[in-house]
PDB file of N, CA and C in Angstrom:
ATOM      1  N   MET A   1     -25.975 -16.480   5.599  1.00  0.00           N
ATOM      2  CA  MET A   1     -25.415 -15.228   5.170  1.00  0.00           C
ATOM      3  C   MET A   1     -26.459 -14.142   5.400  1.00  0.00           C
ATOM      4  N   GLU A   2     -26.300 -13.389   6.454  1.00  0.00           N
ATOM      5  CA  GLU A   2     -27.250 -12.352   6.792  1.00  0.00           C
ATOM      6  C   GLU A   2     -26.877 -11.055   6.100  1.00  0.00           C
ATOM      7  N   GLU A   3     -27.895 -10.265   5.770  1.00  0.00           N
ATOM      8  CA  GLU A   3     -27.659  -8.957   5.183  1.00  0.00           C
ATOM      9  C   GLU A   3     -27.766  -7.939   6.302  1.00  0.00           C
ATOM     10  N   THR A   4     -26.684  -7.724   7.001  1.00  0.00           N
ATOM     11  CA  THR A   4     -26.643  -6.768   8.091  1.00  0.00           C
ATOM     12  C   THR A   4     -25.598  -5.713   7.771  1.00  0.00           C
ATOM     13  N   LYS A   5     -25.489  -4.743   8.651  1.00  0.00           N
ATOM     14  CA  LYS A   5     -24.479  -3.708   8.486  1.00  0.00           C
ATOM     15  C   LYS A   5     -23.095  -4.355   8.496  1.00  0.00           C
ATOM     16  N   LYS A   6     -22.259  -3.943   7.549  1.00  0.00           N
ATOM     17  CA  LYS A   6     -20.922  -4.517   7.449  1.00  0.00           C
ATOM     18  C   LYS A   6     -20.072  -4.046   8.614  1.00  0.00           C
ATOM     19  N   PRO A   7     -19.276  -4.941   9.172  1.00  0.00           N
ATOM     20  CA  PRO A   7     -18.392  -4.522  10.264  1.00  0.00           C
ATOM     21  C   PRO A   7     -17.352  -3.536   9.755  1.00  0.00           C
ATOM     22  N   TYR A   8     -16.974  -2.618  10.598  1.00  0.00           N
ATOM     23  CA  TYR A   8     -15.960  -1.633  10.243  1.00  0.00           C
ATOM     24  C   TYR A   8     -14.572  -2.260  10.308  1.00  0.00           C
ATOM     25  N   ASP A   9     -14.369  -3.139  11.254  1.00  0.00           N
ATOM     26  CA  ASP A   9     -13.072  -3.781  11.458  1.00  0.00           C
ATOM     27  C   ASP A   9     -12.767  -4.705  10.281  1.00  0.00           C
ATOM     28  N   LEU A  10     -11.648  -4.453   9.602  1.00  0.00           N
ATOM     29  CA  LEU A  10     -11.314  -5.251   8.426  1.00  0.00           C
ATOM     30  C   LEU A  10     -10.998  -6.699   8.762  1.00  0.00           C
ATOM     31  N   GLU A  11     -10.502  -6.961   9.956  1.00  0.00           N
ATOM     32  CA  GLU A  11     -10.248  -8.350  10.337  1.00  0.00           C
ATOM     33  C   GLU A  11     -11.575  -9.114  10.397  1.00  0.00           C
ATOM     34  N   ASP A  12     -12.591  -8.492  10.975  1.00  0.00           N
ATOM     35  CA  ASP A  12     -13.917  -9.123  11.024  1.00  0.00           C
ATOM     36  C   ASP A  12     -14.510  -9.257   9.626  1.00  0.00           C
ATOM     37  N   ARG A  13     -14.309  -8.238   8.830  1.00  0.00           N
ATOM     38  CA  ARG A  13     -14.900  -8.227   7.495  1.00  0.00           C
ATOM     39  C   ARG A  13     -14.254  -9.273   6.589  1.00  0.00           C
ATOM     40  N   THR A  14     -12.938  -9.421   6.666  1.00  0.00           N
ATOM     41  CA  THR A  14     -12.278 -10.429   5.839  1.00  0.00           C
ATOM     42  C   THR A  14     -12.629 -11.837   6.315  1.00  0.00           C
ATOM     43  N   PHE A  15     -12.754 -12.002   7.630  1.00  0.00           N
ATOM     44  CA  PHE A  15     -13.187 -13.291   8.166  1.00  0.00           C
ATOM     45  C   PHE A  15     -14.597 -13.613   7.674  1.00  0.00           C
ATOM     46  N   ALA A  16     -15.482 -12.614   7.703  1.00  0.00           N
ATOM     47  CA  ALA A  16     -16.864 -12.823   7.258  1.00  0.00           C
ATOM     48  C   ALA A  16     -16.913 -13.231   5.790  1.00  0.00           C
ATOM     49  N   LEU A  17     -16.063 -12.628   4.955  1.00  0.00           N
ATOM     50  CA  LEU A  17     -16.026 -13.028   3.543  1.00  0.00           C
ATOM     51  C   LEU A  17     -15.696 -14.509   3.425  1.00  0.00           C
ATOM     52  N   ALA A  18     -14.637 -14.940   4.099  1.00  0.00           N
ATOM     53  CA  ALA A  18     -14.225 -16.344   4.021  1.00  0.00           C
ATOM     54  C   ALA A  18     -15.318 -17.269   4.562  1.00  0.00           C
ATOM     55  N   ALA A  19     -15.942 -16.897   5.671  1.00  0.00           N
ATOM     56  CA  ALA A  19     -16.995 -17.724   6.267  1.00  0.00           C
ATOM     57  C   ALA A  19     -18.230 -17.771   5.361  1.00  0.00           C
ATOM     58  N   ASN A  20     -18.615 -16.630   4.803  1.00  0.00           N
ATOM     59  CA  ASN A  20     -19.800 -16.587   3.940  1.00  0.00           C
ATOM     60  C   ASN A  20     -19.584 -17.352   2.637  1.00  0.00           C
ATOM     61  N   VAL A  21     -18.366 -17.355   2.138  1.00  0.00           N
ATOM     62  CA  VAL A  21     -18.050 -18.150   0.948  1.00  0.00           C
ATOM     63  C   VAL A  21     -18.273 -19.619   1.251  1.00  0.00           C
ATOM     64  N   ARG A  22     -17.842 -20.061   2.410  1.00  0.00           N
ATOM     65  CA  ARG A  22     -17.989 -21.471   2.772  1.00  0.00           C
ATOM     66  C   ARG A  22     -19.450 -21.898   2.885  1.00  0.00           C
ATOM     67  N   VAL A  23     -20.289 -20.991   3.337  1.00  0.00           N
ATOM     68  CA  VAL A  23     -21.733 -21.274   3.407  1.00  0.00           C
ATOM     69  C   VAL A  23     -22.316 -21.290   1.993  1.00  0.00           C
ATOM     70  N   PHE A  24     -21.928 -20.308   1.190  1.00  0.00           N
ATOM     71  CA  PHE A  24     -22.451 -20.165  -0.167  1.00  0.00           C
ATOM     72  C   PHE A  24     -22.166 -21.388  -1.040  1.00  0.00           C
ATOM     73  N   VAL A  25     -20.944 -21.899  -1.004  1.00  0.00           N
ATOM     74  CA  VAL A  25     -20.572 -22.982  -1.919  1.00  0.00           C
ATOM     75  C   VAL A  25     -21.340 -24.268  -1.645  1.00  0.00           C
ATOM     76  N   LYS A  26     -21.868 -24.425  -0.440  1.00  0.00           N
ATOM     77  CA  LYS A  26     -22.651 -25.624  -0.132  1.00  0.00           C
ATOM     78  C   LYS A  26     -23.958 -25.678  -0.926  1.00  0.00           C
ATOM     79  N   GLU A  27     -24.401 -24.534  -1.432  1.00  0.00           N
ATOM     80  CA  GLU A  27     -25.663 -24.455  -2.167  1.00  0.00           C
ATOM     81  C   GLU A  27     -25.499 -24.622  -3.674  1.00  0.00           C
ATOM     82  N   LEU A  28     -24.273 -24.719  -4.137  1.00  0.00           N
ATOM     83  CA  LEU A  28     -24.028 -24.755  -5.577  1.00  0.00           C
ATOM     84  C   LEU A  28     -24.194 -26.153  -6.160  1.00  0.00           C
ATOM     85  N   PRO A  29     -24.531 -26.225  -7.464  1.00  0.00           N
ATOM     86  CA  PRO A  29     -24.604 -27.526  -8.123  1.00  0.00           C
ATOM     87  C   PRO A  29     -23.228 -28.194  -8.138  1.00  0.00           C
ATOM     88  N   LYS A  30     -23.214 -29.486  -8.027  1.00  0.00           N
ATOM     89  CA  LYS A  30     -21.964 -30.255  -7.966  1.00  0.00           C
ATOM     90  C   LYS A  30     -21.548 -30.673  -9.372  1.00  0.00           C
ATOM     91  N   THR A  31     -20.962 -29.715 -10.096  1.00  0.00           N
ATOM     92  CA  THR A  31     -20.455 -30.008 -11.441  1.00  0.00           C
ATOM     93  C   THR A  31     -18.929 -30.084 -11.375  1.00  0.00           C
ATOM     94  N   ASP A  32     -18.329 -30.659 -12.423  1.00  0.00           N
ATOM     95  CA  ASP A  32     -16.871 -30.761 -12.457  1.00  0.00           C
ATOM     96  C   ASP A  32     -16.231 -29.375 -12.401  1.00  0.00           C
ATOM     97  N   GLY A  33     -16.762 -28.440 -13.177  1.00  0.00           N
ATOM     98  CA  GLY A  33     -16.219 -27.081 -13.188  1.00  0.00           C
ATOM     99  C   GLY A  33     -16.369 -26.403 -11.838  1.00  0.00           C
ATOM    100  N   ASN A  34     -17.537 -26.530 -11.243  1.00  0.00           N
ATOM    101  CA  ASN A  34     -17.756 -25.917  -9.935  1.00  0.00           C
ATOM    102  C   ASN A  34     -16.836 -26.508  -8.876  1.00  0.00           C
ATOM    103  N   TYR A  35     -16.602 -27.803  -8.950  1.00  0.00           N
ATOM    104  CA  TYR A  35     -15.749 -28.443  -7.948  1.00  0.00           C
ATOM    105  C   TYR A  35     -14.389 -27.756  -7.870  1.00  0.00           C
ATOM    106  N   GLU A  36     -13.755 -27.571  -9.014  1.00  0.00           N
ATOM    107  CA  GLU A  36     -12.425 -26.941  -9.032  1.00  0.00           C
ATOM    108  C   GLU A  36     -12.493 -25.462  -8.666  1.00  0.00           C
ATOM    109  N   ASP A  37     -13.499 -24.758  -9.191  1.00  0.00           N
ATOM    110  CA  ASP A  37     -13.624 -23.330  -8.902  1.00  0.00           C
ATOM    111  C   ASP A  37     -13.938 -23.085  -7.427  1.00  0.00           C
ATOM    112  N   ILE A  38     -14.729 -23.962  -6.818  1.00  0.00           N
ATOM    113  CA  ILE A  38     -15.042 -23.850  -5.390  1.00  0.00           C
ATOM    114  C   ILE A  38     -13.768 -23.997  -4.562  1.00  0.00           C
ATOM    115  N   ARG A  39     -12.953 -24.957  -4.901  1.00  0.00           N
ATOM    116  CA  ARG A  39     -11.686 -25.149  -4.168  1.00  0.00           C
ATOM    117  C   ARG A  39     -10.834 -23.881  -4.231  1.00  0.00           C
ATOM    118  N   GLN A  40     -10.725 -23.308  -5.410  1.00  0.00           N
ATOM    119  CA  GLN A  40      -9.929 -22.094  -5.583  1.00  0.00           C
ATOM    120  C   GLN A  40     -10.545 -20.917  -4.829  1.00  0.00           C
ATOM    121  N   LEU A  41     -11.867 -20.804  -4.871  1.00  0.00           N
ATOM    122  CA  LEU A  41     -12.562 -19.715  -4.178  1.00  0.00           C
ATOM    123  C   LEU A  41     -12.368 -19.805  -2.668  1.00  0.00           C
ATOM    124  N   ILE A  42     -12.474 -20.995  -2.131  1.00  0.00           N
ATOM    125  CA  ILE A  42     -12.271 -21.171  -0.688  1.00  0.00           C
ATOM    126  C   ILE A  42     -10.853 -20.757  -0.308  1.00  0.00           C
ATOM    127  N   ARG A  43      -9.889 -21.151  -1.115  1.00  0.00           N
ATOM    128  CA  ARG A  43      -8.491 -20.794  -0.826  1.00  0.00           C
ATOM    129  C   ARG A  43      -8.267 -19.277  -0.900  1.00  0.00           C
ATOM    130  N   SER A  44      -8.737 -18.660  -1.973  1.00  0.00           N
ATOM    131  CA  SER A  44      -8.459 -17.228  -2.144  1.00  0.00           C
ATOM    132  C   SER A  44      -9.203 -16.374  -1.120  1.00  0.00           C
ATOM    133  N   SER A  45     -10.437 -16.730  -0.790  1.00  0.00           N
ATOM    134  CA  SER A  45     -11.176 -15.934   0.203  1.00  0.00           C
ATOM    135  C   SER A  45     -10.554 -16.088   1.587  1.00  0.00           C
ATOM    136  N   GLY A  46     -10.100 -17.274   1.915  1.00  0.00           N
ATOM    137  CA  GLY A  46      -9.418 -17.479   3.190  1.00  0.00           C
ATOM    138  C   GLY A  46      -8.085 -16.764   3.238  1.00  0.00           C
ATOM    139  N   SER A  47      -7.423 -16.673   2.094  1.00  0.00           N
ATOM    140  CA  SER A  47      -6.141 -15.995   2.021  1.00  0.00           C
ATOM    141  C   SER A  47      -6.276 -14.492   2.257  1.00  0.00           C
ATOM    142  N   VAL A  48      -7.391 -13.909   1.861  1.00  0.00           N
ATOM    143  CA  VAL A  48      -7.627 -12.489   2.142  1.00  0.00           C
ATOM    144  C   VAL A  48      -7.572 -12.271   3.656  1.00  0.00           C
ATOM    145  N   ALA A  49      -8.312 -13.090   4.389  1.00  0.00           N
ATOM    146  CA  ALA A  49      -8.364 -12.959   5.848  1.00  0.00           C
ATOM    147  C   ALA A  49      -7.013 -13.256   6.490  1.00  0.00           C
ATOM    148  N   ALA A  50      -6.373 -14.323   6.061  1.00  0.00           N
ATOM    149  CA  ALA A  50      -5.090 -14.718   6.663  1.00  0.00           C
ATOM    150  C   ALA A  50      -4.011 -13.664   6.425  1.00  0.00           C
ATOM    151  N   ASN A  51      -3.962 -13.123   5.233  1.00  0.00           N
ATOM    152  CA  ASN A  51      -2.939 -12.121   4.937  1.00  0.00           C
ATOM    153  C   ASN A  51      -3.230 -10.791   5.619  1.00  0.00           C
ATOM    154  N   TYR A  52      -4.507 -10.497   5.870  1.00  0.00           N
ATOM    155  CA  TYR A  52      -4.806  -9.275   6.615  1.00  0.00           C
ATOM    156  C   TYR A  52      -4.317  -9.405   8.061  1.00  0.00           C
ATOM    157  N   ILE A  53      -4.495 -10.576   8.646  1.00  0.00           N
ATOM    158  CA  ILE A  53      -3.967 -10.814   9.996  1.00  0.00           C
ATOM    159  C   ILE A  53      -2.447 -10.662   9.985  1.00  0.00           C
ATOM    160  N   GLU A  54      -1.799 -11.235   8.969  1.00  0.00           N
ATOM    161  CA  GLU A  54      -0.346 -11.114   8.842  1.00  0.00           C
ATOM    162  C   GLU A  54       0.073  -9.657   8.688  1.00  0.00           C
ATOM    163  N   ALA A  55      -0.686  -8.878   7.932  1.00  0.00           N
ATOM    164  CA  ALA A  55      -0.359  -7.459   7.748  1.00  0.00           C
ATOM    165  C   ALA A  55      -0.394  -6.720   9.081  1.00  0.00           C
ATOM    166  N   ASN A  56      -1.358  -7.045   9.905  1.00  0.00           N
ATOM    167  CA  ASN A  56      -1.471  -6.389  11.215  1.00  0.00           C
ATOM    168  C   ASN A  56      -0.327  -6.759  12.141  1.00  0.00           C
ATOM    169  N   GLU A  57       0.346  -7.853  11.860  1.00  0.00           N
ATOM    170  CA  GLU A  57       1.485  -8.286  12.676  1.00  0.00           C
ATOM    171  C   GLU A  57       2.813  -8.047  11.959  1.00  0.00           C
ATOM    172  N   ALA A  58       2.775  -7.224  10.925  1.00  0.00           N
ATOM    173  CA  ALA A  58       3.961  -6.988  10.109  1.00  0.00           C
ATOM    174  C   ALA A  58       5.116  -6.434  10.936  1.00  0.00           C
ATOM    175  N   LEU A  59       6.322  -6.825  10.554  1.00  0.00           N
ATOM    176  CA  LEU A  59       7.533  -6.391  11.248  1.00  0.00           C
ATOM    177  C   LEU A  59       8.089  -5.086  10.694  1.00  0.00           C
ATOM    178  N   SER A  60       7.615  -4.691   9.516  1.00  0.00           N
ATOM    179  CA  SER A  60       8.088  -3.455   8.902  1.00  0.00           C
ATOM    180  C   SER A  60       7.000  -2.907   7.983  1.00  0.00           C
ATOM    181  N   LYS A  61       7.178  -1.673   7.556  1.00  0.00           N
ATOM    182  CA  LYS A  61       6.234  -1.067   6.614  1.00  0.00           C
ATOM    183  C   LYS A  61       6.236  -1.831   5.295  1.00  0.00           C
ATOM    184  N   LYS A  62       7.416  -2.256   4.875  1.00  0.00           N
ATOM    185  CA  LYS A  62       7.543  -3.024   3.628  1.00  0.00           C
ATOM    186  C   LYS A  62       6.763  -4.334   3.721  1.00  0.00           C
ATOM    187  N   ASP A  63       6.881  -5.030   4.837  1.00  0.00           N
ATOM    188  CA  ASP A  63       6.151  -6.276   5.067  1.00  0.00           C
ATOM    189  C   ASP A  63       4.646  -6.012   5.088  1.00  0.00           C
ATOM    190  N   PHE A  64       4.238  -4.924   5.759  1.00  0.00           N
ATOM    191  CA  PHE A  64       2.825  -4.553   5.812  1.00  0.00           C
ATOM    192  C   PHE A  64       2.277  -4.349   4.401  1.00  0.00           C
ATOM    193  N   LEU A  65       2.987  -3.558   3.596  1.00  0.00           N
ATOM    194  CA  LEU A  65       2.523  -3.283   2.233  1.00  0.00           C
ATOM    195  C   LEU A  65       2.447  -4.545   1.394  1.00  0.00           C
ATOM    196  N   LEU A  66       3.424  -5.425   1.537  1.00  0.00           N
ATOM    197  CA  LEU A  66       3.398  -6.685   0.799  1.00  0.00           C
ATOM    198  C   LEU A  66       2.141  -7.483   1.129  1.00  0.00           C
ATOM    199  N   ARG A  67       1.836  -7.605   2.414  1.00  0.00           N
ATOM    200  CA  ARG A  67       0.657  -8.380   2.837  1.00  0.00           C
ATOM    201  C   ARG A  67      -0.646  -7.737   2.361  1.00  0.00           C
ATOM    202  N   ILE A  68      -0.715  -6.422   2.416  1.00  0.00           N
ATOM    203  CA  ILE A  68      -1.918  -5.726   1.947  1.00  0.00           C
ATOM    204  C   ILE A  68      -2.079  -5.902   0.443  1.00  0.00           C
ATOM    205  N   LYS A  69      -0.981  -5.873  -0.286  1.00  0.00           N
ATOM    206  CA  LYS A  69      -1.047  -6.117  -1.736  1.00  0.00           C
ATOM    207  C   LYS A  69      -1.521  -7.536  -2.028  1.00  0.00           C
ATOM    208  N   ILE A  70      -1.086  -8.477  -1.213  1.00  0.00           N
ATOM    209  CA  ILE A  70      -1.562  -9.863  -1.376  1.00  0.00           C
ATOM    210  C   ILE A  70      -3.056  -9.933  -1.075  1.00  0.00           C
ATOM    211  N   CYS A  71      -3.516  -9.226  -0.050  1.00  0.00           N
ATOM    212  CA  CYS A  71      -4.956  -9.181   0.258  1.00  0.00           C
ATOM    213  C   CYS A  71      -5.736  -8.681  -0.951  1.00  0.00           C
ATOM    214  N   ARG A  72      -5.255  -7.607  -1.559  1.00  0.00           N
ATOM    215  CA  ARG A  72      -5.923  -7.042  -2.736  1.00  0.00           C
ATOM    216  C   ARG A  72      -5.946  -8.056  -3.876  1.00  0.00           C
ATOM    217  N   LYS A  73      -4.819  -8.716  -4.104  1.00  0.00           N
ATOM    218  CA  LYS A  73      -4.718  -9.711  -5.176  1.00  0.00           C
ATOM    219  C   LYS A  73      -5.674 -10.884  -4.935  1.00  0.00           C
ATOM    220  N   GLU A  74      -5.736 -11.364  -3.699  1.00  0.00           N
ATOM    221  CA  GLU A  74      -6.599 -12.506  -3.384  1.00  0.00           C
ATOM    222  C   GLU A  74      -8.082 -12.128  -3.448  1.00  0.00           C
ATOM    223  N   ALA A  75      -8.415 -10.891  -3.081  1.00  0.00           N
ATOM    224  CA  ALA A  75      -9.806 -10.431  -3.213  1.00  0.00           C
ATOM    225  C   ALA A  75     -10.200 -10.383  -4.684  1.00  0.00           C
ATOM    226  N   LYS A  76      -9.271  -9.911  -5.506  1.00  0.00           N
ATOM    227  CA  LYS A  76      -9.526  -9.867  -6.952  1.00  0.00           C
ATOM    228  C   LYS A  76      -9.681 -11.272  -7.512  1.00  0.00           C
ATOM    229  N   GLU A  77      -8.846 -12.189  -7.053  1.00  0.00           N
ATOM    230  CA  GLU A  77      -8.946 -13.579  -7.495  1.00  0.00           C
ATOM    231  C   GLU A  77     -10.270 -14.200  -7.047  1.00  0.00           C
ATOM    232  N   SER A  78     -10.693 -13.889  -5.849  1.00  0.00           N
ATOM    233  CA  SER A  78     -11.978 -14.408  -5.354  1.00  0.00           C
ATOM    234  C   SER A  78     -13.121 -13.967  -6.266  1.00  0.00           C
ATOM    235  N   ARG A  79     -13.042 -12.740  -6.745  1.00  0.00           N
ATOM    236  CA  ARG A  79     -14.074 -12.252  -7.675  1.00  0.00           C
ATOM    237  C   ARG A  79     -14.105 -13.096  -8.939  1.00  0.00           C
ATOM    238  N   LEU A  80     -12.936 -13.455  -9.452  1.00  0.00           N
ATOM    239  CA  LEU A  80     -12.885 -14.291 -10.655  1.00  0.00           C
ATOM    240  C   LEU A  80     -13.608 -15.610 -10.423  1.00  0.00           C
ATOM    241  N   TRP A  81     -13.257 -16.307  -9.331  1.00  0.00           N
ATOM    242  CA  TRP A  81     -13.860 -17.617  -9.069  1.00  0.00           C
ATOM    243  C   TRP A  81     -15.361 -17.488  -8.845  1.00  0.00           C
ATOM    244  N   LEU A  82     -15.790 -16.435  -8.177  1.00  0.00           N
ATOM    245  CA  LEU A  82     -17.227 -16.226  -7.964  1.00  0.00           C
ATOM    246  C   LEU A  82     -17.951 -16.055  -9.300  1.00  0.00           C
ATOM    247  N   ARG A  83     -17.333 -15.332 -10.211  1.00  0.00           N
ATOM    248  CA  ARG A  83     -17.965 -15.100 -11.510  1.00  0.00           C
ATOM    249  C   ARG A  83     -18.041 -16.375 -12.346  1.00  0.00           C
ATOM    250  N   LEU A  84     -17.077 -17.278 -12.169  1.00  0.00           N
ATOM    251  CA  LEU A  84     -17.037 -18.503 -12.973  1.00  0.00           C
ATOM    252  C   LEU A  84     -18.023 -19.580 -12.508  1.00  0.00           C
ATOM    253  N   LEU A  85     -18.433 -19.528 -11.267  1.00  0.00           N
ATOM    254  CA  LEU A  85     -19.289 -20.575 -10.714  1.00  0.00           C
ATOM    255  C   LEU A  85     -20.658 -20.637 -11.378  1.00  0.00           C
ATOM    256  N   GLU A  86     -21.130 -21.864 -11.571  1.00  0.00           N
ATOM    257  CA  GLU A  86     -22.490 -22.081 -12.073  1.00  0.00           C
ATOM    258  C   GLU A  86     -23.439 -22.068 -10.883  1.00  0.00           C
ATOM    259  N   THR A  87     -24.543 -21.330 -11.021  1.00  0.00           N
ATOM    260  CA  THR A  87     -25.543 -21.307  -9.955  1.00  0.00           C
ATOM    261  C   THR A  87     -26.799 -22.014 -10.443  1.00  0.00           C
ATOM    262  N   ASN A  88     -27.721 -22.256  -9.510  1.00  0.00           N
ATOM    263  CA  ASN A  88     -28.915 -23.010  -9.880  1.00  0.00           C
ATOM    264  C   ASN A  88     -30.219 -22.328  -9.474  1.00  0.00           C
ATOM    265  N   SER A  89     -30.152 -21.106  -8.932  1.00  0.00           N
ATOM    266  CA  SER A  89     -31.384 -20.423  -8.536  1.00  0.00           C
ATOM    267  C   SER A  89     -31.148 -18.924  -8.419  1.00  0.00           C
ATOM    268  N   ALA A  90     -32.246 -18.191  -8.404  1.00  0.00           N
ATOM    269  CA  ALA A  90     -32.158 -16.736  -8.239  1.00  0.00           C
ATOM    270  C   ALA A  90     -31.611 -16.388  -6.858  1.00  0.00           C
ATOM    271  N   ALA A  91     -31.955 -17.169  -5.856  1.00  0.00           N
ATOM    272  CA  ALA A  91     -31.464 -16.909  -4.499  1.00  0.00           C
ATOM    273  C   ALA A  91     -29.948 -17.078  -4.430  1.00  0.00           C
ATOM    274  N   THR A  92     -29.448 -18.123  -5.076  1.00  0.00           N
ATOM    275  CA  THR A  92     -27.999 -18.354  -5.109  1.00  0.00           C
ATOM    276  C   THR A  92     -27.313 -17.242  -5.886  1.00  0.00           C
ATOM    277  N   GLU A  93     -27.931 -16.816  -6.950  1.00  0.00           N
ATOM    278  CA  GLU A  93     -27.385 -15.723  -7.762  1.00  0.00           C
ATOM    279  C   GLU A  93     -27.314 -14.428  -6.942  1.00  0.00           C
ATOM    280  N   HIS A  94     -28.310 -14.184  -6.119  1.00  0.00           N
ATOM    281  CA  HIS A  94     -28.331 -13.008  -5.240  1.00  0.00           C
ATOM    282  C   HIS A  94     -27.188 -13.072  -4.222  1.00  0.00           C
ATOM    283  N   LYS A  95     -26.951 -14.249  -3.677  1.00  0.00           N
ATOM    284  CA  LYS A  95     -25.856 -14.420  -2.706  1.00  0.00           C
ATOM    285  C   LYS A  95     -24.500 -14.224  -3.380  1.00  0.00           C
ATOM    286  N   ARG A  96     -24.391 -14.712  -4.624  1.00  0.00           N
ATOM    287  CA  ARG A  96     -23.145 -14.518  -5.361  1.00  0.00           C
ATOM    288  C   ARG A  96     -22.902 -13.027  -5.585  1.00  0.00           C
ATOM    289  N   ALA A  97     -23.949 -12.300  -5.949  1.00  0.00           N
ATOM    290  CA  ALA A  97     -23.807 -10.855  -6.182  1.00  0.00           C
ATOM    291  C   ALA A  97     -23.344 -10.141  -4.918  1.00  0.00           C
ATOM    292  N   ALA A  98     -23.870 -10.540  -3.772  1.00  0.00           N
ATOM    293  CA  ALA A  98     -23.462  -9.922  -2.505  1.00  0.00           C
ATOM    294  C   ALA A  98     -21.988 -10.219  -2.204  1.00  0.00           C
ATOM    295  N   LEU A  99     -21.557 -11.452  -2.455  1.00  0.00           N
ATOM    296  CA  LEU A  99     -20.156 -11.812  -2.233  1.00  0.00           C
ATOM    297  C   LEU A  99     -19.237 -11.087  -3.217  1.00  0.00           C
ATOM    298  N   LEU A 100     -19.666 -10.956  -4.453  1.00  0.00           N
ATOM    299  CA  LEU A 100     -18.889 -10.203  -5.435  1.00  0.00           C
ATOM    300  C   LEU A 100     -18.734  -8.750  -5.004  1.00  0.00           C
ATOM    301  N   GLN A 101     -19.817  -8.180  -4.499  1.00  0.00           N
ATOM    302  CA  GLN A 101     -19.776  -6.798  -4.029  1.00  0.00           C
ATOM    303  C   GLN A 101     -18.797  -6.644  -2.870  1.00  0.00           C
ATOM    304  N   GLU A 102     -18.844  -7.565  -1.933  1.00  0.00           N
ATOM    305  CA  GLU A 102     -17.949  -7.492  -0.777  1.00  0.00           C
ATOM    306  C   GLU A 102     -16.492  -7.672  -1.200  1.00  0.00           C
ATOM    307  N   ALA A 103     -16.223  -8.615  -2.084  1.00  0.00           N
ATOM    308  CA  ALA A 103     -14.855  -8.819  -2.563  1.00  0.00           C
ATOM    309  C   ALA A 103     -14.352  -7.575  -3.295  1.00  0.00           C
ATOM    310  N   THR A 104     -15.217  -6.942  -4.067  1.00  0.00           N
ATOM    311  CA  THR A 104     -14.853  -5.720  -4.780  1.00  0.00           C
ATOM    312  C   THR A 104     -14.561  -4.590  -3.798  1.00  0.00           C
ATOM    313  N   GLU A 105     -15.405  -4.439  -2.790  1.00  0.00           N
ATOM    314  CA  GLU A 105     -15.184  -3.391  -1.792  1.00  0.00           C
ATOM    315  C   GLU A 105     -13.873  -3.612  -1.047  1.00  0.00           C
ATOM    316  N   LEU A 106     -13.605  -4.854  -0.657  1.00  0.00           N
ATOM    317  CA  LEU A 106     -12.348  -5.151   0.034  1.00  0.00           C
ATOM    318  C   LEU A 106     -11.152  -4.880  -0.870  1.00  0.00           C
ATOM    319  N   MET A 107     -11.254  -5.249  -2.123  1.00  0.00           N
ATOM    320  CA  MET A 107     -10.184  -4.992  -3.073  1.00  0.00           C
ATOM    321  C   MET A 107      -9.912  -3.483  -3.161  1.00  0.00           C
ATOM    322  N   ASN A 108     -10.965  -2.691  -3.222  1.00  0.00           N
ATOM    323  CA  ASN A 108     -10.815  -1.241  -3.300  1.00  0.00           C
ATOM    324  C   ASN A 108     -10.233  -0.660  -2.008  1.00  0.00           C
ATOM    325  N   ILE A 109     -10.655  -1.176  -0.874  1.00  0.00           N
ATOM    326  CA  ILE A 109     -10.115  -0.723   0.415  1.00  0.00           C
ATOM    327  C   ILE A 109      -8.631  -1.015   0.496  1.00  0.00           C
ATOM    328  N   PHE A 110      -8.239  -2.230   0.138  1.00  0.00           N
ATOM    329  CA  PHE A 110      -6.820  -2.584   0.193  1.00  0.00           C
ATOM    330  C   PHE A 110      -6.011  -1.754  -0.802  1.00  0.00           C
ATOM    331  N   GLY A 111      -6.588  -1.470  -1.959  1.00  0.00           N
ATOM    332  CA  GLY A 111      -5.915  -0.604  -2.925  1.00  0.00           C
ATOM    333  C   GLY A 111      -5.689   0.796  -2.367  1.00  0.00           C
ATOM    334  N   ALA A 112      -6.686   1.318  -1.659  1.00  0.00           N
ATOM    335  CA  ALA A 112      -6.549   2.641  -1.046  1.00  0.00           C
ATOM    336  C   ALA A 112      -5.489   2.636   0.050  1.00  0.00           C
ATOM    337  N   ILE A 113      -5.440   1.557   0.820  1.00  0.00           N
ATOM    338  CA  ILE A 113      -4.412   1.447   1.875  1.00  0.00           C
ATOM    339  C   ILE A 113      -3.020   1.455   1.247  1.00  0.00           C
ATOM    340  N   VAL A 114      -2.855   0.729   0.146  1.00  0.00           N
ATOM    341  CA  VAL A 114      -1.558   0.693  -0.536  1.00  0.00           C
ATOM    342  C   VAL A 114      -1.182   2.095  -1.025  1.00  0.00           C
ATOM    343  N   ARG A 115      -2.123   2.767  -1.688  1.00  0.00           N
ATOM    344  CA  ARG A 115      -1.827   4.114  -2.214  1.00  0.00           C
ATOM    345  C   ARG A 115      -1.462   5.090  -1.103  1.00  0.00           C
ATOM    346  N   LYS A 116      -2.146   5.018   0.009  1.00  0.00           N
ATOM    347  CA  LYS A 116      -1.883   5.952   1.114  1.00  0.00           C
ATOM    348  C   LYS A 116      -0.613   5.599   1.888  1.00  0.00           C
ATOM    349  N   SER A 117      -0.198   4.348   1.806  1.00  0.00           N
ATOM    350  CA  SER A 117       0.966   3.897   2.590  1.00  0.00           C
ATOM    351  C   SER A 117       2.279   4.025   1.825  1.00  0.00           C
ATOM    352  N   GLU A 118       2.183   4.148   0.506  1.00  0.00           N
ATOM    353  CA  GLU A 118       3.426   4.204  -0.284  1.00  0.00           C
ATOM    354  C   GLU A 118       3.997   5.604  -0.302  1.00  0.00           C
TER     355      GLU A 118
END
């Protein structure tokens, strides 16, 4: 997970969130709670990216808005799972903070798209 300039393209950015989550979870302690939360986090972060792709291929404005709203919801859900995870080091905690920040930014971007599109 490199700390570089964030891509402007939301398709790249949502993909990066899902990919970075997958790298991050490999560093976490293997507890019962983390096991379930990791599964949910992987699903929700991947869903942000998948639904953004679907939004770009939407057949109507209504379909586009639905997919963008799902992106916002899944980004918000990803934040929940990130907050629930147990970490084991300051470095892991720093990576979690970066992922939380990115999920929050994406959630806000999708919220702005919804407001401007309605």
